[in-house]
């Protein structure tokens, strides 16, 4: 084996993992979410940026408000999932850089004084963190159902503010009956990897 990670863990995190479309009614605890975050917060980003923000949608009232903004095909599964998280990018992440990147505190003003630069960096690095979050959900023995089929502006207005850009909505829980679609194809190594 060329990988150090145990084959069972490889399967859990990647080979056997899929986007879940149904879930059991077993709740997802605050402790589970805390453990997921405490693991994935160490994923690398540029300048140790931490723009990802996670809004947990737990109350029935908030869930109803969110479902109204989901695409039709995503409404029922979002309504039924044990936990739903809205992942967004904080476009004012640079304010934390002097603390998060003490080796170069000037990065805050040198690279991120302009809003457009911050939005680009926040989008890229929060997307990296969102991917880590999905893998962390899998590491907790749960399934994730990430979706981008929703009204982004509606979700932003309903749950966030002008400084936060929604990235995706993720249903979280133990997979239910018929949770998986068949595995879709993937590109092979020689279709993706080039050596120069």
C-alpha atoms as a PDB file:
ATOM      1  CA  UNK A   1       0.000   0.000   0.000  1.00  0.00           C
ATOM      2  CA  UNK A   2       1.219   3.484  -0.852  1.00  0.00           C
ATOM      3  CA  UNK A   3      -1.110   5.118   1.682  1.00  0.00           C
ATOM      4  CA  UNK A   4      -0.509   5.179   5.425  1.00  0.00           C
ATOM      5  CA  UNK A   5      -4.193   5.597   6.287  1.00  0.00           C
ATOM      6  CA  UNK A   6      -5.925   2.344   7.230  1.00  0.00           C
ATOM      7  CA  UNK A   7      -7.973   0.894   4.296  1.00  0.00           C
ATOM      8  CA  UNK A   8     -11.173   1.001   6.375  1.00  0.00           C
ATOM      9  CA  UNK A   9     -10.617   4.720   7.006  1.00  0.00           C
ATOM     10  CA  UNK A  10      -9.903   5.252   3.307  1.00  0.00           C
ATOM     11  CA  UNK A  11     -13.251   3.647   2.513  1.00  0.00           C
ATOM     12  CA  UNK A  12     -15.069   5.651   5.192  1.00  0.00           C
ATOM     13  CA  UNK A  13     -13.704   8.983   4.022  1.00  0.00           C
ATOM     14  CA  UNK A  14     -13.529   8.443   0.257  1.00  0.00           C
ATOM     15  CA  UNK A  15     -14.155   5.166  -1.583  1.00  0.00           C
ATOM     16  CA  UNK A  16     -17.428   4.145   0.075  1.00  0.00           C
ATOM     17  CA  UNK A  17     -18.593   7.653   0.989  1.00  0.00           C
ATOM     18  CA  UNK A  18     -21.346   9.208  -1.089  1.00  0.00           C
ATOM     19  CA  UNK A  19     -23.653  12.193  -1.018  1.00  0.00           C
ATOM     20  CA  UNK A  20     -26.598  11.082   1.111  1.00  0.00           C
ATOM     21  CA  UNK A  21     -30.131  11.835  -0.024  1.00  0.00           C
ATOM     22  CA  UNK A  22     -32.046  10.275   2.882  1.00  0.00           C
ATOM     23  CA  UNK A  23     -31.311  10.097   6.594  1.00  0.00           C
ATOM     24  CA  UNK A  24     -32.558   8.291   9.679  1.00  0.00           C
ATOM     25  CA  UNK A  25     -34.184  10.408  12.392  1.00  0.00           C
ATOM     26  CA  UNK A  26     -31.242   9.892  14.769  1.00  0.00           C
ATOM     27  CA  UNK A  27     -30.219  13.377  15.942  1.00  0.00           C
ATOM     28  CA  UNK A  28     -26.794  14.924  15.375  1.00  0.00           C
ATOM     29  CA  UNK A  29     -25.524  16.241  18.690  1.00  0.00           C
ATOM     30  CA  UNK A  30     -23.706  19.462  19.451  1.00  0.00           C
ATOM     31  CA  UNK A  31     -20.820  17.298  20.685  1.00  0.00           C
ATOM     32  CA  UNK A  32     -20.552  15.608  17.291  1.00  0.00           C
ATOM     33  CA  UNK A  33     -20.454  18.954  15.495  1.00  0.00           C
ATOM     34  CA  UNK A  34     -17.839  20.223  17.968  1.00  0.00           C
ATOM     35  CA  UNK A  35     -15.686  17.128  17.348  1.00  0.00           C
ATOM     36  CA  UNK A  36     -15.994  17.591  13.582  1.00  0.00           C
ATOM     37  CA  UNK A  37     -14.939  21.232  13.791  1.00  0.00           C
ATOM     38  CA  UNK A  38     -12.100  20.504  16.208  1.00  0.00           C
ATOM     39  CA  UNK A  39     -10.712  18.045  13.637  1.00  0.00           C
ATOM     40  CA  UNK A  40     -11.180  19.992  10.414  1.00  0.00           C
ATOM     41  CA  UNK A  41     -10.038  23.382  11.681  1.00  0.00           C
ATOM     42  CA  UNK A  42      -6.479  22.204  11.043  1.00  0.00           C
ATOM     43  CA  UNK A  43      -6.929  21.916   7.274  1.00  0.00           C
ATOM     44  CA  UNK A  44      -4.514  24.225   5.421  1.00  0.00           C
ATOM     45  CA  UNK A  45      -5.547  27.526   3.861  1.00  0.00           C
ATOM     46  CA  UNK A  46      -3.607  30.464   2.434  1.00  0.00           C
ATOM     47  CA  UNK A  47      -2.187  32.659   5.237  1.00  0.00           C
ATOM     48  CA  UNK A  48      -4.120  30.427   7.654  1.00  0.00           C
ATOM     49  CA  UNK A  49      -7.284  32.253   6.602  1.00  0.00           C
ATOM     50  CA  UNK A  50     -10.392  30.968   8.320  1.00  0.00           C
ATOM     51  CA  UNK A  51     -13.281  32.471   6.355  1.00  0.00           C
ATOM     52  CA  UNK A  52     -15.680  29.513   6.659  1.00  0.00           C
ATOM     53  CA  UNK A  53     -18.736  30.197   8.801  1.00  0.00           C
ATOM     54  CA  UNK A  54     -21.211  27.454   9.685  1.00  0.00           C
ATOM     55  CA  UNK A  55     -24.827  28.212  10.541  1.00  0.00           C
ATOM     56  CA  UNK A  56     -26.571  25.201  12.083  1.00  0.00           C
ATOM     57  CA  UNK A  57     -30.276  25.132  11.250  1.00  0.00           C
ATOM     58  CA  UNK A  58     -31.836  23.266  14.181  1.00  0.00           C
ATOM     59  CA  UNK A  59     -35.198  24.852  14.966  1.00  0.00           C
ATOM     60  CA  UNK A  60     -38.340  23.851  13.064  1.00  0.00           C
ATOM     61  CA  UNK A  61     -39.082  27.498  12.311  1.00  0.00           C
ATOM     62  CA  UNK A  62     -35.628  28.115  10.811  1.00  0.00           C
ATOM     63  CA  UNK A  63     -35.849  24.876   8.840  1.00  0.00           C
ATOM     64  CA  UNK A  64     -39.137  25.991   7.258  1.00  0.00           C
ATOM     65  CA  UNK A  65     -37.549  29.300   6.286  1.00  0.00           C
ATOM     66  CA  UNK A  66     -34.584  27.514   4.707  1.00  0.00           C
ATOM     67  CA  UNK A  67     -36.648  24.939   2.811  1.00  0.00           C
ATOM     68  CA  UNK A  68     -38.483  27.773   1.019  1.00  0.00           C
ATOM     69  CA  UNK A  69     -35.168  28.810  -0.549  1.00  0.00           C
ATOM     70  CA  UNK A  70     -34.092  25.315  -1.621  1.00  0.00           C
ATOM     71  CA  UNK A  71     -34.543  24.058  -5.187  1.00  0.00           C
ATOM     72  CA  UNK A  72     -37.613  21.854  -5.502  1.00  0.00           C
ATOM     73  CA  UNK A  73     -35.578  18.649  -5.669  1.00  0.00           C
ATOM     74  CA  UNK A  74     -33.752  19.547  -2.450  1.00  0.00           C
ATOM     75  CA  UNK A  75     -36.716  20.632  -0.331  1.00  0.00           C
ATOM     76  CA  UNK A  76     -37.965  17.310   1.057  1.00  0.00           C
ATOM     77  CA  UNK A  77     -34.541  15.990   2.019  1.00  0.00           C
ATOM     78  CA  UNK A  78     -33.602  19.295   3.643  1.00  0.00           C
ATOM     79  CA  UNK A  79     -36.846  19.276   5.620  1.00  0.00           C
ATOM     80  CA  UNK A  80     -36.206  15.706   6.828  1.00  0.00           C
ATOM     81  CA  UNK A  81     -32.462  15.748   7.584  1.00  0.00           C
ATOM     82  CA  UNK A  82     -31.523  15.548  11.280  1.00  0.00           C
ATOM     83  CA  UNK A  83     -29.240  18.584  10.930  1.00  0.00           C
ATOM     84  CA  UNK A  84     -28.690  21.141   8.205  1.00  0.00           C
ATOM     85  CA  UNK A  85     -25.698  23.474   7.996  1.00  0.00           C
ATOM     86  CA  UNK A  86     -25.386  26.581   5.857  1.00  0.00           C
ATOM     87  CA  UNK A  87     -21.726  27.046   4.923  1.00  0.00           C
ATOM     88  CA  UNK A  88     -20.700  30.579   4.040  1.00  0.00           C
ATOM     89  CA  UNK A  89     -17.599  32.694   3.464  1.00  0.00           C
ATOM     90  CA  UNK A  90     -16.930  35.621   5.777  1.00  0.00           C
ATOM     91  CA  UNK A  91     -15.647  38.408   3.548  1.00  0.00           C
ATOM     92  CA  UNK A  92     -14.245  40.246   6.571  1.00  0.00           C
ATOM     93  CA  UNK A  93     -12.011  37.295   7.555  1.00  0.00           C
ATOM     94  CA  UNK A  94      -8.931  39.527   7.247  1.00  0.00           C
ATOM     95  CA  UNK A  95      -9.658  41.144  10.611  1.00  0.00           C
ATOM     96  CA  UNK A  96      -8.523  37.901  12.287  1.00  0.00           C
ATOM     97  CA  UNK A  97      -5.302  37.520  10.281  1.00  0.00           C
ATOM     98  CA  UNK A  98      -2.974  39.266  12.762  1.00  0.00           C
ATOM     99  CA  UNK A  99      -3.966  36.616  15.315  1.00  0.00           C
ATOM    100  CA  UNK A 100      -4.213  33.653  12.938  1.00  0.00           C
ATOM    101  CA  UNK A 101      -1.049  34.424  10.969  1.00  0.00           C
ATOM    102  CA  UNK A 102       1.304  36.078  13.461  1.00  0.00           C
ATOM    103  CA  UNK A 103       4.345  35.367  11.286  1.00  0.00           C
ATOM    104  CA  UNK A 104       3.140  38.078   8.883  1.00  0.00           C
ATOM    105  CA  UNK A 105       0.482  40.281  10.506  1.00  0.00           C
ATOM    106  CA  UNK A 106       0.889  42.877   7.727  1.00  0.00           C
ATOM    107  CA  UNK A 107      -0.902  40.473   5.346  1.00  0.00           C
ATOM    108  CA  UNK A 108      -4.220  41.883   6.556  1.00  0.00           C
ATOM    109  CA  UNK A 109      -3.553  45.304   5.047  1.00  0.00           C
ATOM    110  CA  UNK A 110      -1.031  44.411   2.370  1.00  0.00           C
ATOM    111  CA  UNK A 111      -3.166  41.842   0.537  1.00  0.00           C
ATOM    112  CA  UNK A 112      -6.732  42.258   1.765  1.00  0.00           C
ATOM    113  CA  UNK A 113      -7.498  45.956   2.066  1.00  0.00           C
ATOM    114  CA  UNK A 114      -9.717  45.812  -1.050  1.00  0.00           C
ATOM    115  CA  UNK A 115     -13.125  44.119  -0.805  1.00  0.00           C
ATOM    116  CA  UNK A 116     -12.766  42.339  -4.180  1.00  0.00           C
ATOM    117  CA  UNK A 117      -9.495  40.701  -3.085  1.00  0.00           C
ATOM    118  CA  UNK A 118     -11.111  39.613   0.187  1.00  0.00           C
ATOM    119  CA  UNK A 119     -14.136  38.113  -1.574  1.00  0.00           C
ATOM    120  CA  UNK A 120     -11.922  36.095  -3.933  1.00  0.00           C
ATOM    121  CA  UNK A 121      -9.729  34.824  -1.109  1.00  0.00           C
ATOM    122  CA  UNK A 122     -12.700  34.124   1.167  1.00  0.00           C
ATOM    123  CA  UNK A 123     -14.494  32.139  -1.534  1.00  0.00           C
ATOM    124  CA  UNK A 124     -11.489  29.961  -2.351  1.00  0.00           C
ATOM    125  CA  UNK A 125     -10.372  29.309   1.221  1.00  0.00           C
ATOM    126  CA  UNK A 126     -13.871  28.794   2.618  1.00  0.00           C
ATOM    127  CA  UNK A 127     -14.486  26.274  -0.189  1.00  0.00           C
ATOM    128  CA  UNK A 128     -11.353  24.415   0.937  1.00  0.00           C
ATOM    129  CA  UNK A 129     -12.643  24.463   4.499  1.00  0.00           C
ATOM    130  CA  UNK A 130     -16.078  23.282   3.334  1.00  0.00           C
ATOM    131  CA  UNK A 131     -14.439  20.254   1.710  1.00  0.00           C
ATOM    132  CA  UNK A 132     -12.605  19.519   4.966  1.00  0.00           C
ATOM    133  CA  UNK A 133     -15.929  19.851   6.786  1.00  0.00           C
ATOM    134  CA  UNK A 134     -17.563  17.235   4.552  1.00  0.00           C
ATOM    135  CA  UNK A 135     -14.679  14.825   5.149  1.00  0.00           C
ATOM    136  CA  UNK A 136     -14.954  15.574   8.877  1.00  0.00           C
ATOM    137  CA  UNK A 137     -18.650  14.684   8.833  1.00  0.00           C
ATOM    138  CA  UNK A 138     -17.689  11.348   7.278  1.00  0.00           C
ATOM    139  CA  UNK A 139     -14.937  10.854   9.895  1.00  0.00           C
ATOM    140  CA  UNK A 140     -17.648  11.188  12.561  1.00  0.00           C
ATOM    141  CA  UNK A 141     -19.487   8.228  11.024  1.00  0.00           C
ATOM    142  CA  UNK A 142     -22.166  10.483   9.560  1.00  0.00           C
ATOM    143  CA  UNK A 143     -23.189  11.195   5.984  1.00  0.00           C
ATOM    144  CA  UNK A 144     -23.193  14.577   4.293  1.00  0.00           C
ATOM    145  CA  UNK A 145     -25.509  15.789   1.567  1.00  0.00           C
ATOM    146  CA  UNK A 146     -23.918  18.992   0.201  1.00  0.00           C
ATOM    147  CA  UNK A 147     -26.108  21.034  -2.149  1.00  0.00           C
ATOM    148  CA  UNK A 148     -25.756  24.202  -4.183  1.00  0.00           C
ATOM    149  CA  UNK A 149     -29.312  24.032  -5.517  1.00  0.00           C
ATOM    150  CA  UNK A 150     -30.846  26.941  -3.621  1.00  0.00           C
ATOM    151  CA  UNK A 151     -31.560  30.660  -3.886  1.00  0.00           C
ATOM    152  CA  UNK A 152     -28.208  32.084  -2.753  1.00  0.00           C
ATOM    153  CA  UNK A 153     -29.451  35.639  -2.319  1.00  0.00           C
ATOM    154  CA  UNK A 154     -32.557  34.447  -0.471  1.00  0.00           C
ATOM    155  CA  UNK A 155     -30.479  32.365   1.951  1.00  0.00           C
ATOM    156  CA  UNK A 156     -28.049  35.242   2.460  1.00  0.00           C
ATOM    157  CA  UNK A 157     -30.875  37.657   3.301  1.00  0.00           C
ATOM    158  CA  UNK A 158     -32.704  35.134   5.489  1.00  0.00           C
ATOM    159  CA  UNK A 159     -29.766  33.822   7.537  1.00  0.00           C
ATOM    160  CA  UNK A 160     -26.610  35.868   6.912  1.00  0.00           C
ATOM    161  CA  UNK A 161     -25.618  39.459   6.156  1.00  0.00           C
ATOM    162  CA  UNK A 162     -23.841  41.457   3.452  1.00  0.00           C
ATOM    163  CA  UNK A 163     -20.421  40.346   4.720  1.00  0.00           C
ATOM    164  CA  UNK A 164     -21.175  36.627   4.269  1.00  0.00           C
ATOM    165  CA  UNK A 165     -21.521  34.762   0.974  1.00  0.00           C
ATOM    166  CA  UNK A 166     -23.364  31.425   1.054  1.00  0.00           C
ATOM    167  CA  UNK A 167     -21.432  28.531  -0.476  1.00  0.00           C
ATOM    168  CA  UNK A 168     -23.557  25.437   0.100  1.00  0.00           C
ATOM    169  CA  UNK A 169     -26.174  23.829   2.283  1.00  0.00           C
ATOM    170  CA  UNK A 170     -25.213  20.477   3.827  1.00  0.00           C
ATOM    171  CA  UNK A 171     -27.672  17.915   5.178  1.00  0.00           C
ATOM    172  CA  UNK A 172     -26.060  15.821   7.927  1.00  0.00           C
ATOM    173  CA  UNK A 173     -27.006  12.591   9.677  1.00  0.00           C
ATOM    174  CA  UNK A 174     -26.936   8.824   9.631  1.00  0.00           C
ATOM    175  CA  UNK A 175     -27.818   7.602   6.123  1.00  0.00           C
ATOM    176  CA  UNK A 176     -31.370   6.337   5.708  1.00  0.00           C
ATOM    177  CA  UNK A 177     -32.965   3.830   3.366  1.00  0.00           C
ATOM    178  CA  UNK A 178     -31.926   4.165  -0.272  1.00  0.00           C
ATOM    179  CA  UNK A 179     -29.620   7.035   0.683  1.00  0.00           C
ATOM    180  CA  UNK A 180     -27.252   6.655  -2.244  1.00  0.00           C
ATOM    181  CA  UNK A 181     -27.504   7.097  -5.960  1.00  0.00           C
ATOM    182  CA  UNK A 182     -25.263   4.699  -7.912  1.00  0.00           C
ATOM    183  CA  UNK A 183     -21.612   5.705  -7.848  1.00  0.00           C
ATOM    184  CA  UNK A 184     -20.909   8.090 -10.721  1.00  0.00           C
ATOM    185  CA  UNK A 185     -17.763   7.631 -12.819  1.00  0.00           C
ATOM    186  CA  UNK A 186     -14.504   9.375 -11.976  1.00  0.00           C
ATOM    187  CA  UNK A 187     -11.651  10.412 -14.241  1.00  0.00           C
ATOM    188  CA  UNK A 188      -8.645   8.090 -14.299  1.00  0.00           C
ATOM    189  CA  UNK A 189      -5.151   9.064 -13.167  1.00  0.00           C
ATOM    190  CA  UNK A 190      -3.766   9.658 -16.655  1.00  0.00           C
ATOM    191  CA  UNK A 191      -6.708  11.921 -17.509  1.00  0.00           C
ATOM    192  CA  UNK A 192      -5.887  14.247 -14.626  1.00  0.00           C
ATOM    193  CA  UNK A 193      -2.184  13.994 -13.780  1.00  0.00           C
ATOM    194  CA  UNK A 194       0.466  15.551 -16.003  1.00  0.00           C
ATOM    195  CA  UNK A 195       4.181  15.512 -15.268  1.00  0.00           C
ATOM    196  CA  UNK A 196       6.389  18.279 -16.673  1.00  0.00           C
END
